[in-house]
Amino acid sequence: MAGLTNETVLEALKKVVDPELGLNLVDLGLIYEVQVEDGKVRVEMTLTTPGCPLHDSLTQAVYRVLYGLEGVKELNVEVVWDPPWTPERISAQGRKQLEERR
């Protein structure tokens, strides 16, 4: 394993799926920023709407997945609302997955 990097964190975050849309948080465009330094991981993310009923379960899933990574000593997950999420943030892979379900 190459160690703890932004890429390994993003790859792990792909395991967290929004149950309403069926897409992972990365492809949904909900992950705004990842910083990794000396075992300290900071994730800035958003949700599709401020009143999202999945707020707690999704953030808990992020903590669970990332604390499962080797080398994580400290983890800070911050949910932000600026800039607001829009469907344009969905990745090409995410759009493809949504199209295949239609």
PDB file of N, CA and C in Angstrom:
ATOM      1  N   MET A   1       0.842  -1.189   0.000  1.00  0.00           N
ATOM      2  CA  MET A   1       0.000   0.000   0.000  1.00  0.00           C
ATOM      3  C   MET A   1       0.879   1.241   0.000  1.00  0.00           C
ATOM      4  N   ALA A   2       0.479   2.233  -0.745  1.00  0.00           N
ATOM      5  CA  ALA A   2       1.278   3.443  -0.902  1.00  0.00           C
ATOM      6  C   ALA A   2       1.198   4.355   0.316  1.00  0.00           C
ATOM      7  N   GLY A   3       0.438   3.975   1.299  1.00  0.00           N
ATOM      8  CA  GLY A   3       0.286   4.835   2.464  1.00  0.00           C
ATOM      9  C   GLY A   3      -0.964   5.684   2.361  1.00  0.00           C
ATOM     10  N   LEU A   4      -1.130   6.510   3.345  1.00  0.00           N
ATOM     11  CA  LEU A   4      -2.319   7.353   3.442  1.00  0.00           C
ATOM     12  C   LEU A   4      -2.126   8.602   2.580  1.00  0.00           C
ATOM     13  N   THR A   5      -2.944   8.731   1.550  1.00  0.00           N
ATOM     14  CA  THR A   5      -2.871   9.872   0.641  1.00  0.00           C
ATOM     15  C   THR A   5      -4.281  10.391   0.366  1.00  0.00           C
ATOM     16  N   ASN A   6      -4.364  11.535  -0.287  1.00  0.00           N
ATOM     17  CA  ASN A   6      -5.673  12.046  -0.695  1.00  0.00           C
ATOM     18  C   ASN A   6      -6.396  11.019  -1.562  1.00  0.00           C
ATOM     19  N   GLU A   7      -5.625  10.346  -2.430  1.00  0.00           N
ATOM     20  CA  GLU A   7      -6.223   9.367  -3.342  1.00  0.00           C
ATOM     21  C   GLU A   7      -6.787   8.163  -2.585  1.00  0.00           C
ATOM     22  N   THR A   8      -6.058   7.672  -1.567  1.00  0.00           N
ATOM     23  CA  THR A   8      -6.574   6.519  -0.818  1.00  0.00           C
ATOM     24  C   THR A   8      -7.815   6.911  -0.020  1.00  0.00           C
ATOM     25  N   VAL A   9      -7.842   8.147   0.464  1.00  0.00           N
ATOM     26  CA  VAL A   9      -9.027   8.625   1.191  1.00  0.00           C
ATOM     27  C   VAL A   9     -10.219   8.716   0.239  1.00  0.00           C
ATOM     28  N   LEU A  10     -10.010   9.304  -0.939  1.00  0.00           N
ATOM     29  CA  LEU A  10     -11.106   9.411  -1.907  1.00  0.00           C
ATOM     30  C   LEU A  10     -11.596   8.037  -2.348  1.00  0.00           C
ATOM     31  N   GLU A  11     -10.678   7.111  -2.542  1.00  0.00           N
ATOM     32  CA  GLU A  11     -11.068   5.756  -2.927  1.00  0.00           C
ATOM     33  C   GLU A  11     -11.915   5.111  -1.835  1.00  0.00           C
ATOM     34  N   ALA A  12     -11.538   5.305  -0.582  1.00  0.00           N
ATOM     35  CA  ALA A  12     -12.312   4.762   0.537  1.00  0.00           C
ATOM     36  C   ALA A  12     -13.690   5.408   0.610  1.00  0.00           C
ATOM     37  N   LEU A  13     -13.758   6.710   0.330  1.00  0.00           N
ATOM     38  CA  LEU A  13     -15.048   7.413   0.390  1.00  0.00           C
ATOM     39  C   LEU A  13     -16.016   6.931  -0.678  1.00  0.00           C
ATOM     40  N   LYS A  14     -15.504   6.284  -1.709  1.00  0.00           N
ATOM     41  CA  LYS A  14     -16.384   5.722  -2.739  1.00  0.00           C
ATOM     42  C   LYS A  14     -17.201   4.546  -2.198  1.00  0.00           C
ATOM     43  N   LYS A  15     -16.831   4.057  -1.018  1.00  0.00           N
ATOM     44  CA  LYS A  15     -17.589   2.963  -0.391  1.00  0.00           C
ATOM     45  C   LYS A  15     -18.845   3.478   0.311  1.00  0.00           C
ATOM     46  N   VAL A  16     -18.925   4.793   0.519  1.00  0.00           N
ATOM     47  CA  VAL A  16     -20.093   5.378   1.187  1.00  0.00           C
ATOM     48  C   VAL A  16     -21.083   5.798   0.108  1.00  0.00           C
ATOM     49  N   VAL A  17     -22.255   5.174   0.135  1.00  0.00           N
ATOM     50  CA  VAL A  17     -23.260   5.381  -0.907  1.00  0.00           C
ATOM     51  C   VAL A  17     -24.479   6.097  -0.319  1.00  0.00           C
ATOM     52  N   ASP A  18     -24.938   7.104  -1.031  1.00  0.00           N
ATOM     53  CA  ASP A  18     -26.181   7.784  -0.671  1.00  0.00           C
ATOM     54  C   ASP A  18     -27.319   6.827  -1.020  1.00  0.00           C
ATOM     55  N   PRO A  19     -28.066   6.357  -0.017  1.00  0.00           N
ATOM     56  CA  PRO A  19     -29.098   5.348  -0.297  1.00  0.00           C
ATOM     57  C   PRO A  19     -30.250   5.865  -1.161  1.00  0.00           C
ATOM     58  N   GLU A  20     -30.495   7.165  -1.154  1.00  0.00           N
ATOM     59  CA  GLU A  20     -31.589   7.698  -1.965  1.00  0.00           C
ATOM     60  C   GLU A  20     -31.228   7.713  -3.450  1.00  0.00           C
ATOM     61  N   LEU A  21     -29.987   8.082  -3.762  1.00  0.00           N
ATOM     62  CA  LEU A  21     -29.576   8.198  -5.159  1.00  0.00           C
ATOM     63  C   LEU A  21     -28.773   6.997  -5.644  1.00  0.00           C
ATOM     64  N   GLY A  22     -28.267   6.199  -4.716  1.00  0.00           N
ATOM     65  CA  GLY A  22     -27.528   5.004  -5.078  1.00  0.00           C
ATOM     66  C   GLY A  22     -26.152   5.264  -5.647  1.00  0.00           C
ATOM     67  N   LEU A  23     -25.608   6.441  -5.413  1.00  0.00           N
ATOM     68  CA  LEU A  23     -24.266   6.787  -5.883  1.00  0.00           C
ATOM     69  C   LEU A  23     -23.363   7.053  -4.684  1.00  0.00           C
ATOM     70  N   ASN A  24     -22.069   6.800  -4.872  1.00  0.00           N
ATOM     71  CA  ASN A  24     -21.143   7.080  -3.783  1.00  0.00           C
ATOM     72  C   ASN A  24     -20.934   8.595  -3.657  1.00  0.00           C
ATOM     73  N   LEU A  25     -20.455   9.006  -2.487  1.00  0.00           N
ATOM     74  CA  LEU A  25     -20.316  10.424  -2.188  1.00  0.00           C
ATOM     75  C   LEU A  25     -19.354  11.147  -3.112  1.00  0.00           C
ATOM     76  N   VAL A  26     -18.320  10.448  -3.581  1.00  0.00           N
ATOM     77  CA  VAL A  26     -17.337  11.075  -4.472  1.00  0.00           C
ATOM     78  C   VAL A  26     -17.972  11.352  -5.831  1.00  0.00           C
ATOM     79  N   ASP A  27     -18.610  10.348  -6.428  1.00  0.00           N
ATOM     80  CA  ASP A  27     -19.229  10.538  -7.741  1.00  0.00           C
ATOM     81  C   ASP A  27     -20.422  11.481  -7.688  1.00  0.00           C
ATOM     82  N   LEU A  28     -21.051  11.574  -6.528  1.00  0.00           N
ATOM     83  CA  LEU A  28     -22.150  12.523  -6.368  1.00  0.00           C
ATOM     84  C   LEU A  28     -21.646  13.964  -6.294  1.00  0.00           C
ATOM     85  N   GLY A  29     -20.361  14.125  -6.043  1.00  0.00           N
ATOM     86  CA  GLY A  29     -19.809  15.473  -5.934  1.00  0.00           C
ATOM     87  C   GLY A  29     -20.003  16.080  -4.557  1.00  0.00           C
ATOM     88  N   LEU A  30     -20.226  15.238  -3.558  1.00  0.00           N
ATOM     89  CA  LEU A  30     -20.454  15.729  -2.197  1.00  0.00           C
ATOM     90  C   LEU A  30     -19.156  15.970  -1.425  1.00  0.00           C
ATOM     91  N   ILE A  31     -18.051  15.453  -1.929  1.00  0.00           N
ATOM     92  CA  ILE A  31     -16.763  15.653  -1.261  1.00  0.00           C
ATOM     93  C   ILE A  31     -16.102  16.873  -1.897  1.00  0.00           C
ATOM     94  N   TYR A  32     -15.952  17.931  -1.114  1.00  0.00           N
ATOM     95  CA  TYR A  32     -15.379  19.174  -1.624  1.00  0.00           C
ATOM     96  C   TYR A  32     -13.862  19.213  -1.482  1.00  0.00           C
ATOM     97  N   GLU A  33     -13.354  18.684  -0.376  1.00  0.00           N
ATOM     98  CA  GLU A  33     -11.913  18.774  -0.157  1.00  0.00           C
ATOM     99  C   GLU A  33     -11.443  17.651   0.753  1.00  0.00           C
ATOM    100  N   VAL A  34     -10.244  17.159   0.474  1.00  0.00           N
ATOM    101  CA  VAL A  34      -9.582  16.155   1.315  1.00  0.00           C
ATOM    102  C   VAL A  34      -8.164  16.646   1.557  1.00  0.00           C
ATOM    103  N   GLN A  35      -7.754  16.629   2.823  1.00  0.00           N
ATOM    104  CA  GLN A  35      -6.377  16.971   3.171  1.00  0.00           C
ATOM    105  C   GLN A  35      -5.829  15.871   4.065  1.00  0.00           C
ATOM    106  N   VAL A  36      -4.635  15.400   3.731  1.00  0.00           N
ATOM    107  CA  VAL A  36      -3.978  14.359   4.511  1.00  0.00           C
ATOM    108  C   VAL A  36      -2.585  14.848   4.871  1.00  0.00           C
ATOM    109  N   GLU A  37      -2.273  14.822   6.167  1.00  0.00           N
ATOM    110  CA  GLU A  37      -0.940  15.223   6.601  1.00  0.00           C
ATOM    111  C   GLU A  37      -0.604  14.517   7.911  1.00  0.00           C
ATOM    112  N   ASP A  38       0.440  13.713   7.884  1.00  0.00           N
ATOM    113  CA  ASP A  38       0.932  13.021   9.082  1.00  0.00           C
ATOM    114  C   ASP A  38      -0.162  12.259   9.830  1.00  0.00           C
ATOM    115  N   GLY A  39      -0.993  11.547   9.096  1.00  0.00           N
ATOM    116  CA  GLY A  39      -2.037  10.753   9.733  1.00  0.00           C
ATOM    117  C   GLY A  39      -3.274  11.530  10.121  1.00  0.00           C
ATOM    118  N   LYS A  40      -3.263  12.827   9.895  1.00  0.00           N
ATOM    119  CA  LYS A  40      -4.441  13.656  10.167  1.00  0.00           C
ATOM    120  C   LYS A  40      -5.198  13.846   8.859  1.00  0.00           C
ATOM    121  N   VAL A  41      -6.467  13.498   8.893  1.00  0.00           N
ATOM    122  CA  VAL A  41      -7.299  13.583   7.694  1.00  0.00           C
ATOM    123  C   VAL A  41      -8.411  14.588   7.946  1.00  0.00           C
ATOM    124  N   ARG A  42      -8.562  15.495   6.994  1.00  0.00           N
ATOM    125  CA  ARG A  42      -9.651  16.470   7.057  1.00  0.00           C
ATOM    126  C   ARG A  42     -10.470  16.320   5.783  1.00  0.00           C
ATOM    127  N   VAL A  43     -11.780  16.173   5.960  1.00  0.00           N
ATOM    128  CA  VAL A  43     -12.688  16.052   4.824  1.00  0.00           C
ATOM    129  C   VAL A  43     -13.726  17.162   4.935  1.00  0.00           C
ATOM    130  N   GLU A  44     -13.871  17.896   3.852  1.00  0.00           N
ATOM    131  CA  GLU A  44     -14.931  18.898   3.765  1.00  0.00           C
ATOM    132  C   GLU A  44     -15.937  18.353   2.761  1.00  0.00           C
ATOM    133  N   MET A  45     -17.159  18.216   3.217  1.00  0.00           N
ATOM    134  CA  MET A  45     -18.195  17.630   2.369  1.00  0.00           C
ATOM    135  C   MET A  45     -19.495  18.391   2.542  1.00  0.00           C
ATOM    136  N   THR A  46     -20.423  18.089   1.679  1.00  0.00           N
ATOM    137  CA  THR A  46     -21.747  18.670   1.784  1.00  0.00           C
ATOM    138  C   THR A  46     -22.770  17.561   1.596  1.00  0.00           C
ATOM    139  N   LEU A  47     -24.016  17.920   1.623  1.00  0.00           N
ATOM    140  CA  LEU A  47     -25.112  16.988   1.356  1.00  0.00           C
ATOM    141  C   LEU A  47     -25.986  17.608   0.276  1.00  0.00           C
ATOM    142  N   THR A  48     -26.878  16.833  -0.278  1.00  0.00           N
ATOM    143  CA  THR A  48     -27.680  17.343  -1.388  1.00  0.00           C
ATOM    144  C   THR A  48     -28.598  18.479  -0.966  1.00  0.00           C
ATOM    145  N   THR A  49     -29.071  18.461   0.282  1.00  0.00           N
ATOM    146  CA  THR A  49     -29.916  19.543   0.803  1.00  0.00           C
ATOM    147  C   THR A  49     -29.588  19.772   2.267  1.00  0.00           C
ATOM    148  N   PRO A  50     -29.726  21.023   2.750  1.00  0.00           N
ATOM    149  CA  PRO A  50     -29.436  21.305   4.162  1.00  0.00           C
ATOM    150  C   PRO A  50     -30.284  20.488   5.139  1.00  0.00           C
ATOM    151  N   GLY A  51     -31.505  20.147   4.785  1.00  0.00           N
ATOM    152  CA  GLY A  51     -32.362  19.385   5.685  1.00  0.00           C
ATOM    153  C   GLY A  51     -32.285  17.891   5.457  1.00  0.00           C
ATOM    154  N   CYS A  52     -31.229  17.430   4.813  1.00  0.00           N
ATOM    155  CA  CYS A  52     -31.096  16.021   4.449  1.00  0.00           C
ATOM    156  C   CYS A  52     -31.270  15.116   5.672  1.00  0.00           C
ATOM    157  N   PRO A  53     -32.247  14.204   5.628  1.00  0.00           N
ATOM    158  CA  PRO A  53     -32.474  13.314   6.759  1.00  0.00           C
ATOM    159  C   PRO A  53     -31.345  12.300   6.965  1.00  0.00           C
ATOM    160  N   LEU A  54     -30.454  12.179   5.984  1.00  0.00           N
ATOM    161  CA  LEU A  54     -29.357  11.215   6.075  1.00  0.00           C
ATOM    162  C   LEU A  54     -28.082  11.848   6.620  1.00  0.00           C
ATOM    163  N   HIS A  55     -28.158  13.092   7.068  1.00  0.00           N
ATOM    164  CA  HIS A  55     -26.983  13.827   7.545  1.00  0.00           C
ATOM    165  C   HIS A  55     -26.150  12.999   8.509  1.00  0.00           C
ATOM    166  N   ASP A  56     -26.760  12.522   9.578  1.00  0.00           N
ATOM    167  CA  ASP A  56     -26.016  11.783  10.601  1.00  0.00           C
ATOM    168  C   ASP A  56     -25.505  10.444  10.088  1.00  0.00           C
ATOM    169  N   SER A  57     -26.327   9.718   9.365  1.00  0.00           N
ATOM    170  CA  SER A  57     -25.895   8.387   8.919  1.00  0.00           C
ATOM    171  C   SER A  57     -24.776   8.477   7.886  1.00  0.00           C
ATOM    172  N   LEU A  58     -24.835   9.470   7.001  1.00  0.00           N
ATOM    173  CA  LEU A  58     -23.771   9.604   6.006  1.00  0.00           C
ATOM    174  C   LEU A  58     -22.460  10.058   6.643  1.00  0.00           C
ATOM    175  N   THR A  59     -22.515  11.013   7.554  1.00  0.00           N
ATOM    176  CA  THR A  59     -21.272  11.449   8.194  1.00  0.00           C
ATOM    177  C   THR A  59     -20.697  10.337   9.068  1.00  0.00           C
ATOM    178  N   GLN A  60     -21.539   9.560   9.740  1.00  0.00           N
ATOM    179  CA  GLN A  60     -21.050   8.419  10.522  1.00  0.00           C
ATOM    180  C   GLN A  60     -20.399   7.380   9.613  1.00  0.00           C
ATOM    181  N   ALA A  61     -20.967   7.173   8.435  1.00  0.00           N
ATOM    182  CA  ALA A  61     -20.386   6.219   7.486  1.00  0.00           C
ATOM    183  C   ALA A  61     -19.020   6.702   7.005  1.00  0.00           C
ATOM    184  N   VAL A  62     -18.877   8.003   6.809  1.00  0.00           N
ATOM    185  CA  VAL A  62     -17.582   8.560   6.412  1.00  0.00           C
ATOM    186  C   VAL A  62     -16.548   8.294   7.505  1.00  0.00           C
ATOM    187  N   TYR A  63     -16.903   8.573   8.751  1.00  0.00           N
ATOM    188  CA  TYR A  63     -15.983   8.307   9.861  1.00  0.00           C
ATOM    189  C   TYR A  63     -15.613   6.826   9.916  1.00  0.00           C
ATOM    190  N   ARG A  64     -16.616   5.962   9.799  1.00  0.00           N
ATOM    191  CA  ARG A  64     -16.391   4.515   9.893  1.00  0.00           C
ATOM    192  C   ARG A  64     -15.417   4.037   8.805  1.00  0.00           C
ATOM    193  N   VAL A  65     -15.652   4.450   7.571  1.00  0.00           N
ATOM    194  CA  VAL A  65     -14.815   4.024   6.452  1.00  0.00           C
ATOM    195  C   VAL A  65     -13.393   4.563   6.593  1.00  0.00           C
ATOM    196  N   LEU A  66     -13.268   5.825   6.958  1.00  0.00           N
ATOM    197  CA  LEU A  66     -11.936   6.418   7.017  1.00  0.00           C
ATOM    198  C   LEU A  66     -11.134   5.954   8.222  1.00  0.00           C
ATOM    199  N   TYR A  67     -11.793   5.719   9.350  1.00  0.00           N
ATOM    200  CA  TYR A  67     -11.051   5.177  10.486  1.00  0.00           C
ATOM    201  C   TYR A  67     -10.608   3.742  10.218  1.00  0.00           C
ATOM    202  N   GLY A  68     -11.176   3.110   9.196  1.00  0.00           N
ATOM    203  CA  GLY A  68     -10.748   1.777   8.797  1.00  0.00           C
ATOM    204  C   GLY A  68      -9.476   1.781   7.962  1.00  0.00           C
ATOM    205  N   LEU A  69      -9.041   2.952   7.538  1.00  0.00           N
ATOM    206  CA  LEU A  69      -7.817   3.047   6.747  1.00  0.00           C
ATOM    207  C   LEU A  69      -6.590   3.009   7.652  1.00  0.00           C
ATOM    208  N   GLU A  70      -5.587   2.305   7.208  1.00  0.00           N
ATOM    209  CA  GLU A  70      -4.335   2.232   7.946  1.00  0.00           C
ATOM    210  C   GLU A  70      -3.662   3.603   7.949  1.00  0.00           C
ATOM    211  N   GLY A  71      -3.235   4.044   9.119  1.00  0.00           N
ATOM    212  CA  GLY A  71      -2.485   5.290   9.224  1.00  0.00           C
ATOM    213  C   GLY A  71      -3.290   6.489   9.667  1.00  0.00           C
ATOM    214  N   VAL A  72      -4.616   6.353   9.773  1.00  0.00           N
ATOM    215  CA  VAL A  72      -5.439   7.483  10.214  1.00  0.00           C
ATOM    216  C   VAL A  72      -5.314   7.615  11.728  1.00  0.00           C
ATOM    217  N   LYS A  73      -4.761   8.740  12.157  1.00  0.00           N
ATOM    218  CA  LYS A  73      -4.598   9.007  13.586  1.00  0.00           C
ATOM    219  C   LYS A  73      -5.651   9.979  14.094  1.00  0.00           C
ATOM    220  N   GLU A  74      -6.043  10.889  13.224  1.00  0.00           N
ATOM    221  CA  GLU A  74      -7.013  11.915  13.591  1.00  0.00           C
ATOM    222  C   GLU A  74      -7.878  12.187  12.378  1.00  0.00           C
ATOM    223  N   LEU A  75      -9.169  12.413  12.621  1.00  0.00           N
ATOM    224  CA  LEU A  75     -10.102  12.600  11.516  1.00  0.00           C
ATOM    225  C   LEU A  75     -11.076  13.721  11.846  1.00  0.00           C
ATOM    226  N   ASN A  76     -11.213  14.649  10.921  1.00  0.00           N
ATOM    227  CA  ASN A  76     -12.159  15.744  11.076  1.00  0.00           C
ATOM    228  C   ASN A  76     -13.010  15.797   9.808  1.00  0.00           C
ATOM    229  N   VAL A  77     -14.306  15.589   9.971  1.00  0.00           N
ATOM    230  CA  VAL A  77     -15.241  15.663   8.854  1.00  0.00           C
ATOM    231  C   VAL A  77     -16.127  16.873   9.098  1.00  0.00           C
ATOM    232  N   GLU A  78     -16.069  17.814   8.168  1.00  0.00           N
ATOM    233  CA  GLU A  78     -16.849  19.042   8.294  1.00  0.00           C
ATOM    234  C   GLU A  78     -17.887  19.088   7.184  1.00  0.00           C
ATOM    235  N   VAL A  79     -19.150  19.248   7.565  1.00  0.00           N
ATOM    236  CA  VAL A  79     -20.225  19.399   6.590  1.00  0.00           C
ATOM    237  C   VAL A  79     -20.434  20.890   6.376  1.00  0.00           C
ATOM    238  N   VAL A  80     -20.322  21.313   5.119  1.00  0.00           N
ATOM    239  CA  VAL A  80     -20.470  22.728   4.766  1.00  0.00           C
ATOM    240  C   VAL A  80     -21.616  22.890   3.775  1.00  0.00           C
ATOM    241  N   TRP A  81     -22.124  24.083   3.681  1.00  0.00           N
ATOM    242  CA  TRP A  81     -23.246  24.352   2.766  1.00  0.00           C
ATOM    243  C   TRP A  81     -22.887  25.370   1.695  1.00  0.00           C
ATOM    244  N   ASP A  82     -21.653  25.855   1.715  1.00  0.00           N
ATOM    245  CA  ASP A  82     -21.223  26.831   0.742  1.00  0.00           C
ATOM    246  C   ASP A  82     -19.947  26.346   0.083  1.00  0.00           C
ATOM    247  N   PRO A  83     -19.925  26.119  -1.205  1.00  0.00           N
ATOM    248  CA  PRO A  83     -21.025  26.370  -2.134  1.00  0.00           C
ATOM    249  C   PRO A  83     -22.087  25.282  -2.035  1.00  0.00           C
ATOM    250  N   PRO A  84     -23.324  25.630  -2.323  1.00  0.00           N
ATOM    251  CA  PRO A  84     -24.390  24.626  -2.281  1.00  0.00           C
ATOM    252  C   PRO A  84     -24.170  23.560  -3.354  1.00  0.00           C
ATOM    253  N   TRP A  85     -24.571  22.347  -3.037  1.00  0.00           N
ATOM    254  CA  TRP A  85     -24.462  21.249  -3.994  1.00  0.00           C
ATOM    255  C   TRP A  85     -25.491  21.444  -5.098  1.00  0.00           C
ATOM    256  N   THR A  86     -25.105  21.089  -6.328  1.00  0.00           N
ATOM    257  CA  THR A  86     -26.034  21.057  -7.456  1.00  0.00           C
ATOM    258  C   THR A  86     -25.758  19.771  -8.243  1.00  0.00           C
ATOM    259  N   PRO A  87     -26.721  19.305  -9.008  1.00  0.00           N
ATOM    260  CA  PRO A  87     -26.516  18.086  -9.797  1.00  0.00           C
ATOM    261  C   PRO A  87     -25.340  18.181 -10.780  1.00  0.00           C
ATOM    262  N   GLU A  88     -24.921  19.377 -11.141  1.00  0.00           N
ATOM    263  CA  GLU A  88     -23.782  19.543 -12.044  1.00  0.00           C
ATOM    264  C   GLU A  88     -22.495  18.990 -11.435  1.00  0.00           C
ATOM    265  N   ARG A  89     -22.461  18.811 -10.118  1.00  0.00           N
ATOM    266  CA  ARG A  89     -21.268  18.293  -9.443  1.00  0.00           C
ATOM    267  C   ARG A  89     -21.120  16.775  -9.611  1.00  0.00           C
ATOM    268  N   ILE A  90     -22.144  16.105 -10.105  1.00  0.00           N
ATOM    269  CA  ILE A  90     -22.073  14.651 -10.289  1.00  0.00           C
ATOM    270  C   ILE A  90     -21.034  14.348 -11.371  1.00  0.00           C
ATOM    271  N   SER A  91     -20.161  13.395 -11.096  1.00  0.00           N
ATOM    272  CA  SER A  91     -19.096  13.030 -12.037  1.00  0.00           C
ATOM    273  C   SER A  91     -19.670  12.346 -13.271  1.00  0.00           C
ATOM    274  N   ALA A  92     -18.843  12.252 -14.307  1.00  0.00           N
ATOM    275  CA  ALA A  92     -19.249  11.554 -15.528  1.00  0.00           C
ATOM    276  C   ALA A  92     -19.609  10.105 -15.209  1.00  0.00           C
ATOM    277  N   GLN A  93     -18.835   9.462 -14.329  1.00  0.00           N
ATOM    278  CA  GLN A  93     -19.120   8.076 -13.925  1.00  0.00           C
ATOM    279  C   GLN A  93     -20.470   7.999 -13.211  1.00  0.00           C
ATOM    280  N   GLY A  94     -20.733   8.961 -12.351  1.00  0.00           N
ATOM    281  CA  GLY A  94     -22.014   8.995 -11.643  1.00  0.00           C
ATOM    282  C   GLY A  94     -23.182   9.185 -12.587  1.00  0.00           C
ATOM    283  N   ARG A  95     -23.011  10.067 -13.559  1.00  0.00           N
ATOM    284  CA  ARG A  95     -24.078  10.299 -14.545  1.00  0.00           C
ATOM    285  C   ARG A  95     -24.359   9.030 -15.352  1.00  0.00           C
ATOM    286  N   LYS A  96     -23.296   8.331 -15.689  1.00  0.00           N
ATOM    287  CA  LYS A  96     -23.428   7.077 -16.437  1.00  0.00           C
ATOM    288  C   LYS A  96     -24.235   6.057 -15.617  1.00  0.00           C
ATOM    289  N   GLN A  97     -23.908   5.953 -14.337  1.00  0.00           N
ATOM    290  CA  GLN A  97     -24.623   5.016 -13.458  1.00  0.00           C
ATOM    291  C   GLN A  97     -26.105   5.382 -13.363  1.00  0.00           C
ATOM    292  N   LEU A  98     -26.409   6.669 -13.246  1.00  0.00           N
ATOM    293  CA  LEU A  98     -27.803   7.097 -13.176  1.00  0.00           C
ATOM    294  C   LEU A  98     -28.539   6.792 -14.477  1.00  0.00           C
ATOM    295  N   GLU A  99     -27.884   7.014 -15.596  1.00  0.00           N
ATOM    296  CA  GLU A  99     -28.494   6.726 -16.897  1.00  0.00           C
ATOM    297  C   GLU A  99     -28.807   5.251 -17.057  1.00  0.00           C
ATOM    298  N   GLU A 100     -27.890   4.396 -16.578  1.00  0.00           N
ATOM    299  CA  GLU A 100     -28.075   2.946 -16.713  1.00  0.00           C
ATOM    300  C   GLU A 100     -29.272   2.438 -15.917  1.00  0.00           C
ATOM    301  N   ARG A 101     -29.687   3.192 -14.920  1.00  0.00           N
ATOM    302  CA  ARG A 101     -30.818   2.762 -14.086  1.00  0.00           C
ATOM    303  C   ARG A 101     -32.160   3.173 -14.645  1.00  0.00           C
ATOM    304  N   ARG A 102     -32.148   4.048 -15.625  1.00  0.00           N
ATOM    305  CA  ARG A 102     -33.423   4.540 -16.179  1.00  0.00           C
ATOM    306  C   ARG A 102     -34.091   3.523 -17.034  1.00  0.00           C
TER     307      ARG A 102
END
